[in-house]
Amino acid sequence: MKENRRALGKGLEQLFASENLNFDAFEQEIIDSTPKKEIVDIPVDEIRSNPYQPRQYFDEEGLNELAESIKEHGVLEPIIVKKSIKGYELVAGERRTKASRIAGVKTIPAIITDFSDEEMMEIAILENIQREDLSPIEEAQAYKKYMDKMGVTQEEIANKFKKSRSYITNILGLLTLPKDVQKDVTNKKISMSHARVLSKMEDADKILELVDRIKSEGLSVRDIEDISKNSDIKKKKAIKRTENVSSRCRIYENILRDKTGNKVSIKSGKIVIPFDSDKDLDRIMEILNVEVDD
């Protein structure tokens, strides 16, 4: 098992070092390099999803079709799992496992590996973003969870998953949208482009109003941008004193937003950095190199 673990670890390093990330090839390499005697049947009821699996929605029609195939031909390719305290956690093969449950299959062929929690999280994110299975909100939540758990920056996330810095910034911005709007993005009632513009607005009521108009009137992204700019103009006219210091403050706000990954505002002589939880606060303090004696 130790030799197999070293081989898998090397495979994971190669997977993330490659310029052309290919999860399917990585999965196939594990299957091809595993002796048949090490592929074992495990109870389907003892398998649970990767705890870091970001995907929440699966195509039911596709799962039912796969279930019918499994009833007729069985599971042709083993899934990959990690042994846990109770049963197993999935590394690869979520659709096969779900379809097997639908088909009423009791056991499924599996390869048992020994990945760390960090590797499990990286694998889950990579598998889904490469196969384009995630909604923008699910992808943003996956990056946010990784940042919170591993204490990394947006720049490190971008390098890790071969994304541009602006892409990571924009997609994480979607998490500032009201929950109902996030659901509309997930359900494809509004586009990612619409959502990206909306996420730069601060007035939640205005955002909800615009979402209703997008759905009822078919407002374009350009329409939303124009409305957003006009709203900003009105705000600036109403608060001239703030405008006098905003150009410098905006530079500092952007620097702090990039550094912390949170929506920072500077106004009335105060720097405001919102946070979601104690863990998120600890992460921000660490980024800002603030040490607190226990």
C-alpha atoms as a PDB file:
ATOM      1  CA  MET A   1       0.000   0.000   0.000  1.00  0.00           C
ATOM      2  CA  LYS A   2       2.911   2.381   0.721  1.00  0.00           C
ATOM      3  CA  GLU A   3       4.308   1.902  -2.794  1.00  0.00           C
ATOM      4  CA  ASN A   4       0.853   2.520  -4.214  1.00  0.00           C
ATOM      5  CA  ARG A   5       0.509   5.662  -2.050  1.00  0.00           C
ATOM      6  CA  ARG A   6       3.823   7.028  -3.297  1.00  0.00           C
ATOM      7  CA  ALA A   7       2.770   6.414  -6.882  1.00  0.00           C
ATOM      8  CA  LEU A   8      -0.547   8.167  -6.339  1.00  0.00           C
ATOM      9  CA  GLY A   9       1.158  11.105  -4.667  1.00  0.00           C
ATOM     10  CA  LYS A  10       3.513  11.459  -7.597  1.00  0.00           C
ATOM     11  CA  GLY A  11       0.542  11.278  -9.957  1.00  0.00           C
ATOM     12  CA  LEU A  12      -1.174  14.076  -8.065  1.00  0.00           C
ATOM     13  CA  GLU A  13       1.933  16.252  -8.206  1.00  0.00           C
ATOM     14  CA  GLN A  14       2.152  15.684 -11.959  1.00  0.00           C
ATOM     15  CA  LEU A  15      -1.544  16.464 -12.318  1.00  0.00           C
ATOM     16  CA  PHE A  16      -1.201  19.920 -10.755  1.00  0.00           C
ATOM     17  CA  ALA A  17       2.200  20.638 -12.307  1.00  0.00           C
ATOM     18  CA  SER A  18       0.959  19.994 -15.829  1.00  0.00           C
ATOM     19  CA  GLU A  19       0.016  22.978 -17.989  1.00  0.00           C
ATOM     20  CA  ASN A  20      -2.792  20.911 -19.490  1.00  0.00           C
ATOM     21  CA  LEU A  21      -4.553  19.460 -16.470  1.00  0.00           C
ATOM     22  CA  ASN A  22      -6.322  16.241 -17.333  1.00  0.00           C
ATOM     23  CA  PHE A  23      -8.276  14.643 -14.521  1.00  0.00           C
ATOM     24  CA  ASP A  24      -9.584  11.821 -16.726  1.00  0.00           C
ATOM     25  CA  ALA A  25      -6.027  10.790 -17.612  1.00  0.00           C
ATOM     26  CA  PHE A  26      -5.049  10.927 -13.945  1.00  0.00           C
ATOM     27  CA  GLU A  27      -8.009   8.736 -12.968  1.00  0.00           C
ATOM     28  CA  GLN A  28      -7.224   6.302 -15.770  1.00  0.00           C
ATOM     29  CA  GLU A  29      -3.584   6.126 -14.665  1.00  0.00           C
ATOM     30  CA  ILE A  30      -4.678   5.038 -11.185  1.00  0.00           C
ATOM     31  CA  ILE A  31      -6.956   2.369 -12.672  1.00  0.00           C
ATOM     32  CA  ASP A  32      -4.308   1.087 -15.118  1.00  0.00           C
ATOM     33  CA  SER A  33      -1.566   0.954 -12.473  1.00  0.00           C
ATOM     34  CA  THR A  34      -3.701  -0.919  -9.925  1.00  0.00           C
ATOM     35  CA  PRO A  35      -3.400  -4.749 -10.075  1.00  0.00           C
ATOM     36  CA  LYS A  36      -6.754  -6.446 -10.618  1.00  0.00           C
ATOM     37  CA  LYS A  37      -6.413  -8.267  -7.311  1.00  0.00           C
ATOM     38  CA  GLU A  38      -6.463  -4.875  -5.544  1.00  0.00           C
ATOM     39  CA  ILE A  39      -9.787  -3.889  -7.130  1.00  0.00           C
ATOM     40  CA  VAL A  40     -12.367  -4.957  -4.552  1.00  0.00           C
ATOM     41  CA  ASP A  41     -16.153  -4.915  -4.277  1.00  0.00           C
ATOM     42  CA  ILE A  42     -17.350  -2.624  -1.503  1.00  0.00           C
ATOM     43  CA  PRO A  43     -20.920  -1.996  -0.230  1.00  0.00           C
ATOM     44  CA  VAL A  44     -22.582   0.936  -1.968  1.00  0.00           C
ATOM     45  CA  ASP A  45     -24.287   1.858   1.323  1.00  0.00           C
ATOM     46  CA  GLU A  46     -20.875   2.445   2.947  1.00  0.00           C
ATOM     47  CA  ILE A  47     -19.813   5.075   0.380  1.00  0.00           C
ATOM     48  CA  ARG A  48     -20.326   8.782   0.910  1.00  0.00           C
ATOM     49  CA  SER A  49     -19.444  11.730  -1.287  1.00  0.00           C
ATOM     50  CA  ASN A  50     -16.115  13.472  -1.043  1.00  0.00           C
ATOM     51  CA  PRO A  51     -16.762  15.896   1.869  1.00  0.00           C
ATOM     52  CA  TYR A  52     -15.231  18.615  -0.300  1.00  0.00           C
ATOM     53  CA  GLN A  53     -17.404  17.816  -3.324  1.00  0.00           C
ATOM     54  CA  PRO A  54     -18.639  21.225  -4.517  1.00  0.00           C
ATOM     55  CA  ARG A  55     -21.253  19.941  -6.968  1.00  0.00           C
ATOM     56  CA  GLN A  56     -24.769  19.947  -5.504  1.00  0.00           C
ATOM     57  CA  TYR A  57     -26.879  19.238  -8.577  1.00  0.00           C
ATOM     58  CA  PHE A  58     -26.726  16.201 -10.871  1.00  0.00           C
ATOM     59  CA  ASP A  59     -28.554  15.513 -14.142  1.00  0.00           C
ATOM     60  CA  GLU A  60     -31.326  13.106 -13.090  1.00  0.00           C
ATOM     61  CA  GLU A  61     -32.055  11.987 -16.634  1.00  0.00           C
ATOM     62  CA  GLY A  62     -28.413  11.139 -17.216  1.00  0.00           C
ATOM     63  CA  LEU A  63     -28.219   9.251 -13.912  1.00  0.00           C
ATOM     64  CA  ASN A  64     -31.301   7.193 -14.795  1.00  0.00           C
ATOM     65  CA  GLU A  65     -29.817   6.293 -18.182  1.00  0.00           C
ATOM     66  CA  LEU A  66     -26.575   5.215 -16.512  1.00  0.00           C
ATOM     67  CA  ALA A  67     -28.564   3.204 -13.940  1.00  0.00           C
ATOM     68  CA  GLU A  68     -30.283   1.268 -16.749  1.00  0.00           C
ATOM     69  CA  SER A  69     -26.896   0.515 -18.292  1.00  0.00           C
ATOM     70  CA  ILE A  70     -25.583  -0.688 -14.921  1.00  0.00           C
ATOM     71  CA  LYS A  71     -28.585  -2.986 -14.516  1.00  0.00           C
ATOM     72  CA  GLU A  72     -27.774  -4.573 -17.857  1.00  0.00           C
ATOM     73  CA  HIS A  73     -23.976  -4.550 -17.954  1.00  0.00           C
ATOM     74  CA  GLY A  74     -22.838  -3.808 -14.389  1.00  0.00           C
ATOM     75  CA  VAL A  75     -20.281  -1.143 -13.419  1.00  0.00           C
ATOM     76  CA  LEU A  76     -17.570  -1.426 -16.077  1.00  0.00           C
ATOM     77  CA  GLU A  77     -14.961   0.858 -14.491  1.00  0.00           C
ATOM     78  CA  PRO A  78     -14.057   0.866 -10.784  1.00  0.00           C
ATOM     79  CA  ILE A  79     -14.614   3.939  -8.661  1.00  0.00           C
ATOM     80  CA  ILE A  80     -11.790   5.371  -6.553  1.00  0.00           C
ATOM     81  CA  VAL A  81     -12.311   5.813  -2.812  1.00  0.00           C
ATOM     82  CA  LYS A  82     -10.488   6.673   0.375  1.00  0.00           C
ATOM     83  CA  LYS A  83     -11.008   4.615   3.538  1.00  0.00           C
ATOM     84  CA  SER A  84     -12.589   6.694   6.284  1.00  0.00           C
ATOM     85  CA  ILE A  85     -13.546   6.077   9.912  1.00  0.00           C
ATOM     86  CA  LYS A  86     -16.922   4.741   8.792  1.00  0.00           C
ATOM     87  CA  GLY A  87     -16.912   3.280   5.311  1.00  0.00           C
ATOM     88  CA  TYR A  88     -15.405   5.109   2.358  1.00  0.00           C
ATOM     89  CA  GLU A  89     -15.207   8.593   0.831  1.00  0.00           C
ATOM     90  CA  LEU A  90     -15.363   9.037  -2.931  1.00  0.00           C
ATOM     91  CA  VAL A  91     -12.349  10.317  -4.823  1.00  0.00           C
ATOM     92  CA  ALA A  92     -13.742   9.667  -8.316  1.00  0.00           C
ATOM     93  CA  GLY A  93     -16.911   8.006  -9.580  1.00  0.00           C
ATOM     94  CA  GLU A  94     -19.758  10.021  -8.052  1.00  0.00           C
ATOM     95  CA  ARG A  95     -22.112   9.456 -11.021  1.00  0.00           C
ATOM     96  CA  ARG A  96     -21.398   5.708 -11.124  1.00  0.00           C
ATOM     97  CA  THR A  97     -22.091   5.453  -7.396  1.00  0.00           C
ATOM     98  CA  LYS A  98     -25.341   7.438  -7.535  1.00  0.00           C
ATOM     99  CA  ALA A  99     -26.518   5.469 -10.575  1.00  0.00           C
ATOM    100  CA  SER A 100     -25.667   2.198  -8.818  1.00  0.00           C
ATOM    101  CA  ARG A 101     -27.913   3.199  -5.918  1.00  0.00           C
ATOM    102  CA  ILE A 102     -30.735   3.946  -8.358  1.00  0.00           C
ATOM    103  CA  ALA A 103     -30.151   0.593 -10.048  1.00  0.00           C
ATOM    104  CA  GLY A 104     -30.378  -1.198  -6.702  1.00  0.00           C
ATOM    105  CA  VAL A 105     -26.817  -2.525  -6.893  1.00  0.00           C
ATOM    106  CA  LYS A 106     -25.477  -3.619  -3.491  1.00  0.00           C
ATOM    107  CA  THR A 107     -21.732  -3.566  -4.200  1.00  0.00           C
ATOM    108  CA  ILE A 108     -19.458  -1.727  -6.622  1.00  0.00           C
ATOM    109  CA  PRO A 109     -15.844  -2.368  -7.766  1.00  0.00           C
ATOM    110  CA  ALA A 110     -13.439   0.084  -6.164  1.00  0.00           C
ATOM    111  CA  ILE A 111      -9.804   1.025  -5.794  1.00  0.00           C
ATOM    112  CA  ILE A 112      -8.957   2.083  -2.229  1.00  0.00           C
ATOM    113  CA  THR A 113      -6.441   4.936  -1.988  1.00  0.00           C
ATOM    114  CA  ASP A 114      -4.932   7.014   0.805  1.00  0.00           C
ATOM    115  CA  PHE A 115      -5.243  10.684  -0.092  1.00  0.00           C
ATOM    116  CA  SER A 116      -4.910  13.493   2.456  1.00  0.00           C
ATOM    117  CA  ASP A 117      -7.724  15.957   3.181  1.00  0.00           C
ATOM    118  CA  GLU A 118      -5.905  18.660   1.184  1.00  0.00           C
ATOM    119  CA  GLU A 119      -5.548  16.320  -1.799  1.00  0.00           C
ATOM    120  CA  MET A 120      -9.208  15.295  -1.540  1.00  0.00           C
ATOM    121  CA  MET A 121     -10.242  18.938  -1.678  1.00  0.00           C
ATOM    122  CA  GLU A 122      -7.957  19.718  -4.616  1.00  0.00           C
ATOM    123  CA  ILE A 123      -9.151  16.654  -6.525  1.00  0.00           C
ATOM    124  CA  ALA A 124     -12.833  17.500  -5.976  1.00  0.00           C
ATOM    125  CA  ILE A 125     -12.427  21.058  -7.215  1.00  0.00           C
ATOM    126  CA  LEU A 126     -10.244  20.124 -10.173  1.00  0.00           C
ATOM    127  CA  GLU A 127     -12.446  17.245 -11.340  1.00  0.00           C
ATOM    128  CA  ASN A 128     -15.528  19.410 -11.436  1.00  0.00           C
ATOM    129  CA  ILE A 129     -14.110  22.625 -12.914  1.00  0.00           C
ATOM    130  CA  GLN A 130     -12.343  20.638 -15.630  1.00  0.00           C
ATOM    131  CA  ARG A 131     -15.488  18.750 -16.576  1.00  0.00           C
ATOM    132  CA  GLU A 132     -17.527  21.969 -16.348  1.00  0.00           C
ATOM    133  CA  ASP A 133     -20.043  20.296 -14.036  1.00  0.00           C
ATOM    134  CA  LEU A 134     -20.189  23.138 -11.554  1.00  0.00           C
ATOM    135  CA  SER A 135     -22.467  26.132 -11.571  1.00  0.00           C
ATOM    136  CA  PRO A 136     -20.588  29.441 -11.062  1.00  0.00           C
ATOM    137  CA  ILE A 137     -21.905  29.612  -7.480  1.00  0.00           C
ATOM    138  CA  GLU A 138     -20.752  26.064  -6.670  1.00  0.00           C
ATOM    139  CA  GLU A 139     -17.335  26.847  -8.120  1.00  0.00           C
ATOM    140  CA  ALA A 140     -17.081  30.063  -6.091  1.00  0.00           C
ATOM    141  CA  GLN A 141     -18.086  28.205  -2.908  1.00  0.00           C
ATOM    142  CA  ALA A 142     -15.444  25.563  -3.608  1.00  0.00           C
ATOM    143  CA  TYR A 143     -12.682  28.164  -3.949  1.00  0.00           C
ATOM    144  CA  LYS A 144     -13.904  30.002  -0.837  1.00  0.00           C
ATOM    145  CA  LYS A 145     -13.931  26.783   1.194  1.00  0.00           C
ATOM    146  CA  TYR A 146     -10.419  25.956   0.001  1.00  0.00           C
ATOM    147  CA  MET A 147      -9.178  29.449   0.896  1.00  0.00           C
ATOM    148  CA  ASP A 148     -10.730  29.276   4.369  1.00  0.00           C
ATOM    149  CA  LYS A 149      -9.401  25.806   5.144  1.00  0.00           C
ATOM    150  CA  MET A 150      -5.915  26.172   3.665  1.00  0.00           C
ATOM    151  CA  GLY A 151      -5.385  29.861   4.480  1.00  0.00           C
ATOM    152  CA  VAL A 152      -4.324  30.760   0.947  1.00  0.00           C
ATOM    153  CA  THR A 153      -4.790  33.966  -1.048  1.00  0.00           C
ATOM    154  CA  GLN A 154      -6.743  34.584  -4.235  1.00  0.00           C
ATOM    155  CA  GLU A 155      -3.466  34.719  -6.139  1.00  0.00           C
ATOM    156  CA  GLU A 156      -2.430  31.311  -4.798  1.00  0.00           C
ATOM    157  CA  ILE A 157      -5.845  29.878  -5.724  1.00  0.00           C
ATOM    158  CA  ALA A 158      -5.467  31.275  -9.246  1.00  0.00           C
ATOM    159  CA  ASN A 159      -2.020  29.678  -9.625  1.00  0.00           C
ATOM    160  CA  LYS A 160      -3.142  26.379  -8.116  1.00  0.00           C
ATOM    161  CA  PHE A 161      -6.097  25.892 -10.433  1.00  0.00           C
ATOM    162  CA  LYS A 162      -4.622  27.602 -13.510  1.00  0.00           C
ATOM    163  CA  LYS A 163      -7.091  30.493 -13.530  1.00  0.00           C
ATOM    164  CA  SER A 164      -6.455  34.209 -14.019  1.00  0.00           C
ATOM    165  CA  ARG A 165      -6.456  36.397 -10.923  1.00  0.00           C
ATOM    166  CA  SER A 166      -9.351  38.452 -12.310  1.00  0.00           C
ATOM    167  CA  TYR A 167     -11.383  35.267 -12.911  1.00  0.00           C
ATOM    168  CA  ILE A 168     -11.013  34.230  -9.265  1.00  0.00           C
ATOM    169  CA  THR A 169     -11.836  37.739  -8.033  1.00  0.00           C
ATOM    170  CA  ASN A 170     -14.940  37.959 -10.218  1.00  0.00           C
ATOM    171  CA  ILE A 171     -16.295  34.519  -9.372  1.00  0.00           C
ATOM    172  CA  LEU A 172     -15.747  34.976  -5.621  1.00  0.00           C
ATOM    173  CA  GLY A 173     -17.629  38.260  -5.941  1.00  0.00           C
ATOM    174  CA  LEU A 174     -20.760  36.259  -6.799  1.00  0.00           C
ATOM    175  CA  LEU A 175     -20.930  35.117  -3.177  1.00  0.00           C
ATOM    176  CA  THR A 176     -21.742  38.696  -2.140  1.00  0.00           C
ATOM    177  CA  LEU A 177     -25.041  38.497  -4.054  1.00  0.00           C
ATOM    178  CA  PRO A 178     -28.294  37.870  -2.126  1.00  0.00           C
ATOM    179  CA  LYS A 179     -29.017  34.140  -1.721  1.00  0.00           C
ATOM    180  CA  ASP A 180     -32.078  34.282  -3.993  1.00  0.00           C
ATOM    181  CA  VAL A 181     -29.953  35.785  -6.751  1.00  0.00           C
ATOM    182  CA  GLN A 182     -27.309  33.084  -6.259  1.00  0.00           C
ATOM    183  CA  LYS A 183     -30.079  30.500  -6.779  1.00  0.00           C
ATOM    184  CA  ASP A 184     -31.081  32.242 -10.005  1.00  0.00           C
ATOM    185  CA  VAL A 185     -27.476  31.980 -11.218  1.00  0.00           C
ATOM    186  CA  THR A 186     -27.330  28.282 -10.322  1.00  0.00           C
ATOM    187  CA  ASN A 187     -30.666  27.635 -12.058  1.00  0.00           C
ATOM    188  CA  LYS A 188     -29.478  29.635 -15.096  1.00  0.00           C
ATOM    189  CA  LYS A 189     -32.297  32.159 -14.798  1.00  0.00           C
ATOM    190  CA  ILE A 190     -29.687  34.896 -15.105  1.00  0.00           C
ATOM    191  CA  SER A 191     -26.296  34.621 -16.787  1.00  0.00           C
ATOM    192  CA  MET A 192     -22.849  34.685 -15.216  1.00  0.00           C
ATOM    193  CA  SER A 193     -22.196  37.964 -17.066  1.00  0.00           C
ATOM    194  CA  HIS A 194     -25.307  39.545 -15.530  1.00  0.00           C
ATOM    195  CA  ALA A 195     -24.331  38.241 -12.098  1.00  0.00           C
ATOM    196  CA  ARG A 196     -20.787  39.587 -12.368  1.00  0.00           C
ATOM    197  CA  VAL A 197     -22.093  43.139 -12.980  1.00  0.00           C
ATOM    198  CA  LEU A 198     -24.677  42.816 -10.202  1.00  0.00           C
ATOM    199  CA  SER A 199     -22.043  41.594  -7.741  1.00  0.00           C
ATOM    200  CA  LYS A 200     -20.263  44.948  -7.991  1.00  0.00           C
ATOM    201  CA  MET A 201     -23.368  46.737  -6.692  1.00  0.00           C
ATOM    202  CA  GLU A 202     -23.906  47.259  -2.962  1.00  0.00           C
ATOM    203  CA  ASP A 203     -27.659  47.944  -2.739  1.00  0.00           C
ATOM    204  CA  ALA A 204     -29.331  44.531  -2.250  1.00  0.00           C
ATOM    205  CA  ASP A 205     -32.801  45.925  -2.979  1.00  0.00           C
ATOM    206  CA  LYS A 206     -31.570  47.415  -6.252  1.00  0.00           C
ATOM    207  CA  ILE A 207     -29.950  44.104  -7.191  1.00  0.00           C
ATOM    208  CA  LEU A 208     -33.190  42.187  -6.562  1.00  0.00           C
ATOM    209  CA  GLU A 209     -35.146  44.769  -8.552  1.00  0.00           C
ATOM    210  CA  LEU A 210     -32.759  44.420 -11.515  1.00  0.00           C
ATOM    211  CA  VAL A 211     -32.899  40.626 -11.370  1.00  0.00           C
ATOM    212  CA  ASP A 212     -36.687  40.789 -11.667  1.00  0.00           C
ATOM    213  CA  ARG A 213     -36.311  43.071 -14.679  1.00  0.00           C
ATOM    214  CA  ILE A 214     -33.714  40.771 -16.271  1.00  0.00           C
ATOM    215  CA  LYS A 215     -36.183  37.889 -16.023  1.00  0.00           C
ATOM    216  CA  SER A 216     -39.287  39.841 -17.041  1.00  0.00           C
ATOM    217  CA  GLU A 217     -37.904  42.361 -19.538  1.00  0.00           C
ATOM    218  CA  GLY A 218     -34.842  40.548 -20.810  1.00  0.00           C
ATOM    219  CA  LEU A 219     -32.403  43.323 -19.856  1.00  0.00           C
ATOM    220  CA  SER A 220     -28.978  42.808 -21.427  1.00  0.00           C
ATOM    221  CA  VAL A 221     -25.649  42.929 -19.618  1.00  0.00           C
ATOM    222  CA  ARG A 222     -25.009  46.338 -21.207  1.00  0.00           C
ATOM    223  CA  ASP A 223     -28.372  47.550 -19.849  1.00  0.00           C
ATOM    224  CA  ILE A 224     -27.368  46.458 -16.360  1.00  0.00           C
ATOM    225  CA  GLU A 225     -23.972  48.130 -16.670  1.00  0.00           C
ATOM    226  CA  ASP A 226     -25.584  51.409 -17.758  1.00  0.00           C
ATOM    227  CA  ILE A 227     -28.114  51.316 -14.911  1.00  0.00           C
ATOM    228  CA  SER A 228     -25.335  50.519 -12.441  1.00  0.00           C
ATOM    229  CA  LYS A 229     -23.204  53.442 -13.657  1.00  0.00           C
ATOM    230  CA  ASN A 230     -26.138  55.845 -13.502  1.00  0.00           C
ATOM    231  CA  SER A 231     -26.876  54.705  -9.947  1.00  0.00           C
ATOM    232  CA  ASP A 232     -23.250  55.364  -9.015  1.00  0.00           C
ATOM    233  CA  ILE A 233     -23.441  58.853 -10.531  1.00  0.00           C
ATOM    234  CA  LYS A 234     -26.507  59.673  -8.428  1.00  0.00           C
ATOM    235  CA  LYS A 235     -24.751  58.473  -5.292  1.00  0.00           C
ATOM    236  CA  LYS A 236     -21.670  60.564  -6.043  1.00  0.00           C
ATOM    237  CA  LYS A 237     -23.745  63.706  -6.544  1.00  0.00           C
ATOM    238  CA  ALA A 238     -25.551  63.114  -3.273  1.00  0.00           C
ATOM    239  CA  ILE A 239     -22.330  62.606  -1.269  1.00  0.00           C
ATOM    240  CA  LYS A 240     -19.800  65.107  -2.589  1.00  0.00           C
ATOM    241  CA  ARG A 241     -17.617  64.999   0.522  1.00  0.00           C
ATOM    242  CA  THR A 242     -17.057  61.274   0.101  1.00  0.00           C
ATOM    243  CA  GLU A 243     -16.171  61.801  -3.563  1.00  0.00           C
ATOM    244  CA  ASN A 244     -13.335  64.149  -2.572  1.00  0.00           C
ATOM    245  CA  VAL A 245     -11.426  61.298  -0.918  1.00  0.00           C
ATOM    246  CA  SER A 246     -12.780  58.368  -2.897  1.00  0.00           C
ATOM    247  CA  SER A 247     -10.096  58.200  -5.601  1.00  0.00           C
ATOM    248  CA  ARG A 248      -7.334  57.488  -3.079  1.00  0.00           C
ATOM    249  CA  CYS A 249      -9.558  55.367  -0.866  1.00  0.00           C
ATOM    250  CA  ARG A 250     -10.677  53.249  -3.809  1.00  0.00           C
ATOM    251  CA  ILE A 251      -7.046  52.396  -4.562  1.00  0.00           C
ATOM    252  CA  TYR A 252      -6.554  51.258  -0.961  1.00  0.00           C
ATOM    253  CA  GLU A 253      -9.887  49.411  -0.995  1.00  0.00           C
ATOM    254  CA  ASN A 254      -8.891  47.471  -4.110  1.00  0.00           C
ATOM    255  CA  ILE A 255      -5.491  46.595  -2.634  1.00  0.00           C
ATOM    256  CA  LEU A 256      -7.090  45.333   0.586  1.00  0.00           C
ATOM    257  CA  ARG A 257      -9.832  43.455  -1.300  1.00  0.00           C
ATOM    258  CA  ASP A 258      -7.210  41.672  -3.402  1.00  0.00           C
ATOM    259  CA  LYS A 259      -5.137  40.879  -0.331  1.00  0.00           C
ATOM    260  CA  THR A 260      -7.948  39.605   1.910  1.00  0.00           C
ATOM    261  CA  GLY A 261     -10.439  38.311  -0.658  1.00  0.00           C
ATOM    262  CA  ASN A 262     -13.183  40.219   1.212  1.00  0.00           C
ATOM    263  CA  LYS A 263     -15.205  43.278   0.218  1.00  0.00           C
ATOM    264  CA  VAL A 264     -13.363  46.128   1.991  1.00  0.00           C
ATOM    265  CA  SER A 265     -14.727  49.660   2.319  1.00  0.00           C
ATOM    266  CA  ILE A 266     -13.012  52.832   3.531  1.00  0.00           C
ATOM    267  CA  LYS A 267     -15.269  55.663   4.664  1.00  0.00           C
ATOM    268  CA  SER A 268     -15.709  58.163   7.474  1.00  0.00           C
ATOM    269  CA  GLY A 269     -12.156  57.585   8.617  1.00  0.00           C
ATOM    270  CA  LYS A 270     -12.704  53.847   9.068  1.00  0.00           C
ATOM    271  CA  ILE A 271     -11.554  50.699   7.272  1.00  0.00           C
ATOM    272  CA  VAL A 272     -14.354  48.110   7.282  1.00  0.00           C
ATOM    273  CA  ILE A 273     -13.537  44.470   6.525  1.00  0.00           C
ATOM    274  CA  PRO A 274     -16.585  42.176   6.894  1.00  0.00           C
ATOM    275  CA  PHE A 275     -16.062  38.506   7.794  1.00  0.00           C
ATOM    276  CA  ASP A 276     -18.269  35.382   7.800  1.00  0.00           C
ATOM    277  CA  SER A 277     -17.021  33.525  10.862  1.00  0.00           C
ATOM    278  CA  ASP A 278     -14.306  33.327  13.516  1.00  0.00           C
ATOM    279  CA  LYS A 279     -12.275  31.194  11.116  1.00  0.00           C
ATOM    280  CA  ASP A 280     -12.619  33.835   8.398  1.00  0.00           C
ATOM    281  CA  LEU A 281     -11.508  36.520  10.888  1.00  0.00           C
ATOM    282  CA  ASP A 282      -8.467  34.427  11.851  1.00  0.00           C
ATOM    283  CA  ARG A 283      -7.614  34.093   8.147  1.00  0.00           C
ATOM    284  CA  ILE A 284      -7.820  37.864   7.599  1.00  0.00           C
ATOM    285  CA  MET A 285      -5.665  38.582  10.682  1.00  0.00           C
ATOM    286  CA  GLU A 286      -3.053  36.109   9.425  1.00  0.00           C
ATOM    287  CA  ILE A 287      -3.021  37.724   5.963  1.00  0.00           C
ATOM    288  CA  LEU A 288      -2.520  41.150   7.579  1.00  0.00           C
ATOM    289  CA  ASN A 289       0.257  39.697   9.790  1.00  0.00           C
ATOM    290  CA  VAL A 290      -1.574  40.641  12.989  1.00  0.00           C
ATOM    291  CA  GLU A 291      -0.557  38.416  15.911  1.00  0.00           C
ATOM    292  CA  VAL A 292      -2.774  38.119  18.966  1.00  0.00           C
ATOM    293  CA  ASP A 293      -1.377  36.735  22.211  1.00  0.00           C
ATOM    294  CA  ASP A 294      -3.604  34.038  23.773  1.00  0.00           C
END
